[in-house]
Amino acid sequence: MPVIFKTIDKIKPAYDIVYKIVLFICKILLIGDVLITTMSVAGRYIPFIPDPAWSEEVVLTFMSYMAVLSAALAIRKGSHIRMTALDRYLPKKLIMVLDILADVSILALALIMLTVGWKYANGIGAKGFYTSMPKLSRFWMYFPVPLAGGAMIIFELEALYNDVKKLFVKEENL
């Protein structure tokens, strides 16, 4: 069985690249949020700085992207919220099985986010427009959900693989 794990481990650099891309997108969105918010607040009090009407909608959209993409990043690092209070009292094999069950559940949620989110983005989102920017489709407001669903699927598959690998490979071999 370890031969298959060695083969699959070769795609880890691809996961690292996807993680870096998603992290970079989150950083750019945060910078954009800070700059647009700063300009908007300054525009309210300083006469020669404009306060664009679109700033609130764009900031909220950027925040939506950051929130759901950050959840995908947390899956990769294993830093999402979880209950571990009873872990020291339960057998290690049971904990591993429960981790796999949690991974499968999160994977199911990610698949729902991807499919249903895509339907909403193309349905409701494609029909409406931002109030302050009538030329920009609301597709971009709904798109964070399927985008994050895709990222969560990628990172959850890796987490699921790592948990299954723990079942079959002894700890000293990791």
C-alpha atoms as a PDB file:
ATOM      1  CA  MET A   1       0.000   0.000   0.000  1.00  0.00           C
ATOM      2  CA  PRO A   2       2.782   2.562   0.685  1.00  0.00           C
ATOM      3  CA  VAL A   3       3.756   2.511  -3.032  1.00  0.00           C
ATOM      4  CA  ILE A   4       0.481   4.183  -4.002  1.00  0.00           C
ATOM      5  CA  PHE A   5       1.029   6.821  -1.297  1.00  0.00           C
ATOM      6  CA  LYS A   6       4.495   7.589  -2.670  1.00  0.00           C
ATOM      7  CA  THR A   7       3.011   8.017  -6.130  1.00  0.00           C
ATOM      8  CA  ILE A   8       0.199  10.287  -4.956  1.00  0.00           C
ATOM      9  CA  ASP A   9       2.610  12.325  -2.806  1.00  0.00           C
ATOM     10  CA  LYS A  10       4.249  13.529  -6.019  1.00  0.00           C
ATOM     11  CA  ILE A  11       1.319  15.904  -6.701  1.00  0.00           C
ATOM     12  CA  LYS A  12       1.834  17.793  -3.426  1.00  0.00           C
ATOM     13  CA  PRO A  13       3.657  20.632  -5.249  1.00  0.00           C
ATOM     14  CA  ALA A  14       0.481  21.240  -7.265  1.00  0.00           C
ATOM     15  CA  TYR A  15      -1.448  21.694  -4.009  1.00  0.00           C
ATOM     16  CA  ASP A  16       1.255  24.075  -2.803  1.00  0.00           C
ATOM     17  CA  ILE A  17       0.885  26.167  -5.968  1.00  0.00           C
ATOM     18  CA  VAL A  18      -2.910  26.321  -5.673  1.00  0.00           C
ATOM     19  CA  TYR A  19      -2.545  27.303  -2.002  1.00  0.00           C
ATOM     20  CA  LYS A  20      -0.123  30.108  -2.882  1.00  0.00           C
ATOM     21  CA  ILE A  21      -2.430  31.378  -5.628  1.00  0.00           C
ATOM     22  CA  VAL A  22      -5.471  31.453  -3.321  1.00  0.00           C
ATOM     23  CA  LEU A  23      -3.413  33.117  -0.580  1.00  0.00           C
ATOM     24  CA  PHE A  24      -2.158  35.728  -3.074  1.00  0.00           C
ATOM     25  CA  ILE A  25      -5.733  36.447  -4.202  1.00  0.00           C
ATOM     26  CA  CYS A  26      -6.765  36.935  -0.558  1.00  0.00           C
ATOM     27  CA  LYS A  27      -3.860  39.333  -0.010  1.00  0.00           C
ATOM     28  CA  ILE A  28      -4.765  41.385  -3.096  1.00  0.00           C
ATOM     29  CA  LEU A  29      -8.411  41.513  -1.999  1.00  0.00           C
ATOM     30  CA  LEU A  30      -7.390  42.691   1.475  1.00  0.00           C
ATOM     31  CA  ILE A  31      -5.175  45.418   0.018  1.00  0.00           C
ATOM     32  CA  GLY A  32      -8.019  46.483  -2.276  1.00  0.00           C
ATOM     33  CA  ASP A  33     -10.432  46.541   0.664  1.00  0.00           C
ATOM     34  CA  VAL A  34      -8.127  48.707   2.743  1.00  0.00           C
ATOM     35  CA  LEU A  35      -7.373  51.134  -0.086  1.00  0.00           C
ATOM     36  CA  ILE A  36     -10.992  51.528  -1.203  1.00  0.00           C
ATOM     37  CA  THR A  37     -12.231  51.931   2.375  1.00  0.00           C
ATOM     38  CA  THR A  38      -9.521  54.481   3.111  1.00  0.00           C
ATOM     39  CA  MET A  39     -10.418  56.443  -0.015  1.00  0.00           C
ATOM     40  CA  SER A  40     -14.115  56.284   0.829  1.00  0.00           C
ATOM     41  CA  VAL A  41     -13.673  57.476   4.402  1.00  0.00           C
ATOM     42  CA  ALA A  42     -11.200  60.179   3.390  1.00  0.00           C
ATOM     43  CA  GLY A  43     -13.589  61.288   0.642  1.00  0.00           C
ATOM     44  CA  ARG A  44     -16.254  62.030   3.220  1.00  0.00           C
ATOM     45  CA  TYR A  45     -14.061  64.472   5.122  1.00  0.00           C
ATOM     46  CA  ILE A  46     -11.493  65.800   2.631  1.00  0.00           C
ATOM     47  CA  PRO A  47     -13.095  67.871  -0.135  1.00  0.00           C
ATOM     48  CA  PHE A  48     -10.671  67.093  -2.999  1.00  0.00           C
ATOM     49  CA  ILE A  49     -10.754  63.272  -2.524  1.00  0.00           C
ATOM     50  CA  PRO A  50     -13.706  61.584  -4.243  1.00  0.00           C
ATOM     51  CA  ASP A  51     -16.058  59.286  -2.350  1.00  0.00           C
ATOM     52  CA  PRO A  52     -17.179  56.851  -5.046  1.00  0.00           C
ATOM     53  CA  ALA A  53     -20.728  55.546  -4.850  1.00  0.00           C
ATOM     54  CA  TRP A  54     -19.528  52.025  -5.677  1.00  0.00           C
ATOM     55  CA  SER A  55     -17.088  51.707  -2.772  1.00  0.00           C
ATOM     56  CA  GLU A  56     -19.415  49.969  -0.304  1.00  0.00           C
ATOM     57  CA  GLU A  57     -20.577  47.302  -2.755  1.00  0.00           C
ATOM     58  CA  VAL A  58     -17.056  46.558  -3.930  1.00  0.00           C
ATOM     59  CA  VAL A  59     -15.679  46.364  -0.381  1.00  0.00           C
ATOM     60  CA  LEU A  60     -18.457  43.966   0.645  1.00  0.00           C
ATOM     61  CA  THR A  61     -17.872  41.829  -2.449  1.00  0.00           C
ATOM     62  CA  PHE A  62     -14.126  41.684  -1.737  1.00  0.00           C
ATOM     63  CA  MET A  63     -14.881  40.707   1.859  1.00  0.00           C
ATOM     64  CA  SER A  64     -17.144  37.898   0.627  1.00  0.00           C
ATOM     65  CA  TYR A  65     -14.334  36.540  -1.530  1.00  0.00           C
ATOM     66  CA  MET A  66     -11.836  36.746   1.329  1.00  0.00           C
ATOM     67  CA  ALA A  67     -14.164  35.048   3.825  1.00  0.00           C
ATOM     68  CA  VAL A  68     -14.902  31.981   1.747  1.00  0.00           C
ATOM     69  CA  LEU A  69     -11.425  31.644   0.229  1.00  0.00           C
ATOM     70  CA  SER A  70      -9.909  31.916   3.710  1.00  0.00           C
ATOM     71  CA  ALA A  71     -12.101  29.000   4.761  1.00  0.00           C
ATOM     72  CA  ALA A  72     -10.535  26.964   1.956  1.00  0.00           C
ATOM     73  CA  LEU A  73      -7.059  27.985   3.142  1.00  0.00           C
ATOM     74  CA  ALA A  74      -7.953  26.930   6.692  1.00  0.00           C
ATOM     75  CA  ILE A  75      -8.900  23.477   5.404  1.00  0.00           C
ATOM     76  CA  ARG A  76      -5.444  23.051   3.895  1.00  0.00           C
ATOM     77  CA  LYS A  77      -3.669  24.057   7.087  1.00  0.00           C
ATOM     78  CA  GLY A  78      -6.119  22.241   9.368  1.00  0.00           C
ATOM     79  CA  SER A  79      -6.730  25.462  11.273  1.00  0.00           C
ATOM     80  CA  HIS A  80     -10.517  25.538  10.972  1.00  0.00           C
ATOM     81  CA  ILE A  81     -12.603  25.280  14.119  1.00  0.00           C
ATOM     82  CA  ARG A  82     -13.149  21.751  15.368  1.00  0.00           C
ATOM     83  CA  MET A  83     -14.022  19.910  18.529  1.00  0.00           C
ATOM     84  CA  THR A  84     -11.031  18.140  20.030  1.00  0.00           C
ATOM     85  CA  ALA A  85     -11.999  18.098  23.714  1.00  0.00           C
ATOM     86  CA  LEU A  86     -12.627  14.334  23.756  1.00  0.00           C
ATOM     87  CA  ASP A  87      -9.771  13.318  21.469  1.00  0.00           C
ATOM     88  CA  ARG A  88      -7.446  12.345  24.291  1.00  0.00           C
ATOM     89  CA  TYR A  89     -10.069   9.988  25.766  1.00  0.00           C
ATOM     90  CA  LEU A  90     -10.974   8.156  22.552  1.00  0.00           C
ATOM     91  CA  PRO A  91      -8.939   5.494  20.738  1.00  0.00           C
ATOM     92  CA  LYS A  92      -6.625   6.849  18.037  1.00  0.00           C
ATOM     93  CA  LYS A  93      -8.205   4.697  15.312  1.00  0.00           C
ATOM     94  CA  LEU A  94     -11.649   6.101  16.167  1.00  0.00           C
ATOM     95  CA  ILE A  95     -10.281   9.648  15.980  1.00  0.00           C
ATOM     96  CA  MET A  96      -8.820   8.863  12.547  1.00  0.00           C
ATOM     97  CA  VAL A  97     -12.151   7.455  11.340  1.00  0.00           C
ATOM     98  CA  LEU A  98     -13.999  10.496  12.713  1.00  0.00           C
ATOM     99  CA  ASP A  99     -11.506  12.779  10.937  1.00  0.00           C
ATOM    100  CA  ILE A 100     -12.251  10.957   7.676  1.00  0.00           C
ATOM    101  CA  LEU A 101     -15.994  11.309   8.318  1.00  0.00           C
ATOM    102  CA  ALA A 102     -15.512  15.039   8.907  1.00  0.00           C
ATOM    103  CA  ASP A 103     -13.472  15.297   5.690  1.00  0.00           C
ATOM    104  CA  VAL A 104     -16.190  13.546   3.692  1.00  0.00           C
ATOM    105  CA  SER A 105     -18.830  15.856   5.204  1.00  0.00           C
ATOM    106  CA  ILE A 106     -16.830  18.978   4.350  1.00  0.00           C
ATOM    107  CA  LEU A 107     -16.220  17.599   0.857  1.00  0.00           C
ATOM    108  CA  ALA A 108     -19.992  17.149   0.432  1.00  0.00           C
ATOM    109  CA  LEU A 109     -20.538  20.753   1.564  1.00  0.00           C
ATOM    110  CA  ALA A 110     -17.892  21.956  -0.895  1.00  0.00           C
ATOM    111  CA  LEU A 111     -19.589  20.076  -3.731  1.00  0.00           C
ATOM    112  CA  ILE A 112     -22.906  21.695  -2.793  1.00  0.00           C
ATOM    113  CA  MET A 113     -21.240  25.107  -2.679  1.00  0.00           C
ATOM    114  CA  LEU A 114     -19.773  24.533  -6.126  1.00  0.00           C
ATOM    115  CA  THR A 115     -22.919  23.256  -7.840  1.00  0.00           C
ATOM    116  CA  VAL A 116     -25.612  25.341  -6.153  1.00  0.00           C
ATOM    117  CA  GLY A 117     -23.380  28.422  -6.006  1.00  0.00           C
ATOM    118  CA  TRP A 118     -22.722  28.147  -9.735  1.00  0.00           C
ATOM    119  CA  LYS A 119     -26.472  27.914 -10.409  1.00  0.00           C
ATOM    120  CA  TYR A 120     -27.092  31.040  -8.331  1.00  0.00           C
ATOM    121  CA  ALA A 121     -24.219  32.942  -9.932  1.00  0.00           C
ATOM    122  CA  ASN A 122     -25.448  32.116 -13.412  1.00  0.00           C
ATOM    123  CA  GLY A 123     -29.142  32.458 -12.514  1.00  0.00           C
ATOM    124  CA  ILE A 124     -29.828  35.313 -10.127  1.00  0.00           C
ATOM    125  CA  GLY A 125     -26.385  36.842 -10.482  1.00  0.00           C
ATOM    126  CA  ALA A 126     -26.392  36.965 -14.250  1.00  0.00           C
ATOM    127  CA  LYS A 127     -29.751  38.764 -14.313  1.00  0.00           C
ATOM    128  CA  GLY A 128     -28.969  41.590 -11.900  1.00  0.00           C
ATOM    129  CA  PHE A 129     -26.493  44.419 -11.781  1.00  0.00           C
ATOM    130  CA  TYR A 130     -24.732  46.334  -9.023  1.00  0.00           C
ATOM    131  CA  THR A 131     -26.780  49.367  -8.018  1.00  0.00           C
ATOM    132  CA  SER A 132     -23.908  51.812  -8.213  1.00  0.00           C
ATOM    133  CA  MET A 133     -22.290  50.161 -11.268  1.00  0.00           C
ATOM    134  CA  PRO A 134     -25.065  49.250 -13.709  1.00  0.00           C
ATOM    135  CA  LYS A 135     -22.646  47.774 -16.262  1.00  0.00           C
ATOM    136  CA  LEU A 136     -21.233  45.196 -13.817  1.00  0.00           C
ATOM    137  CA  SER A 137     -23.185  41.949 -13.418  1.00  0.00           C
ATOM    138  CA  ARG A 138     -24.093  40.659  -9.972  1.00  0.00           C
ATOM    139  CA  PHE A 139     -22.546  37.387 -11.107  1.00  0.00           C
ATOM    140  CA  TRP A 140     -19.390  38.616  -9.363  1.00  0.00           C
ATOM    141  CA  MET A 141     -21.289  38.991  -6.099  1.00  0.00           C
ATOM    142  CA  TYR A 142     -22.423  35.345  -6.179  1.00  0.00           C
ATOM    143  CA  PHE A 143     -19.257  33.886  -7.701  1.00  0.00           C
ATOM    144  CA  PRO A 144     -17.283  33.608  -4.408  1.00  0.00           C
ATOM    145  CA  VAL A 145     -19.417  30.646  -3.315  1.00  0.00           C
ATOM    146  CA  PRO A 146     -18.639  28.318  -6.248  1.00  0.00           C
ATOM    147  CA  LEU A 147     -15.062  29.582  -6.372  1.00  0.00           C
ATOM    148  CA  ALA A 148     -14.534  28.715  -2.718  1.00  0.00           C
ATOM    149  CA  GLY A 149     -16.350  25.414  -3.242  1.00  0.00           C
ATOM    150  CA  GLY A 150     -13.802  24.505  -5.901  1.00  0.00           C
ATOM    151  CA  ALA A 151     -10.875  25.524  -3.701  1.00  0.00           C
ATOM    152  CA  MET A 152     -12.374  23.627  -0.756  1.00  0.00           C
ATOM    153  CA  ILE A 153     -12.743  20.494  -2.898  1.00  0.00           C
ATOM    154  CA  ILE A 154      -9.082  20.680  -3.891  1.00  0.00           C
ATOM    155  CA  PHE A 155      -7.834  21.185  -0.328  1.00  0.00           C
ATOM    156  CA  GLU A 156     -10.319  18.755   1.205  1.00  0.00           C
ATOM    157  CA  LEU A 157      -9.223  16.006  -1.170  1.00  0.00           C
ATOM    158  CA  GLU A 158      -5.698  16.549   0.105  1.00  0.00           C
ATOM    159  CA  ALA A 159      -6.851  16.491   3.746  1.00  0.00           C
ATOM    160  CA  LEU A 160      -8.894  13.344   3.115  1.00  0.00           C
ATOM    161  CA  TYR A 161      -5.900  11.716   1.447  1.00  0.00           C
ATOM    162  CA  ASN A 162      -3.663  12.621   4.402  1.00  0.00           C
ATOM    163  CA  ASP A 163      -6.171  11.176   6.891  1.00  0.00           C
ATOM    164  CA  VAL A 164      -6.582   7.945   4.907  1.00  0.00           C
ATOM    165  CA  LYS A 165      -2.809   7.708   4.631  1.00  0.00           C
ATOM    166  CA  LYS A 166      -2.548   7.905   8.449  1.00  0.00           C
ATOM    167  CA  LEU A 167      -4.732   4.796   8.689  1.00  0.00           C
ATOM    168  CA  PHE A 168      -2.495   2.692   6.445  1.00  0.00           C
ATOM    169  CA  VAL A 169       1.000   4.039   7.113  1.00  0.00           C
ATOM    170  CA  LYS A 170       2.586   3.668  10.521  1.00  0.00           C
ATOM    171  CA  GLU A 171       3.536   6.924  12.269  1.00  0.00           C
ATOM    172  CA  GLU A 172       7.268   6.196  12.272  1.00  0.00           C
ATOM    173  CA  ASN A 173       7.170   5.923   8.447  1.00  0.00           C
ATOM    174  CA  LEU A 174       5.605   9.388   8.037  1.00  0.00           C
END
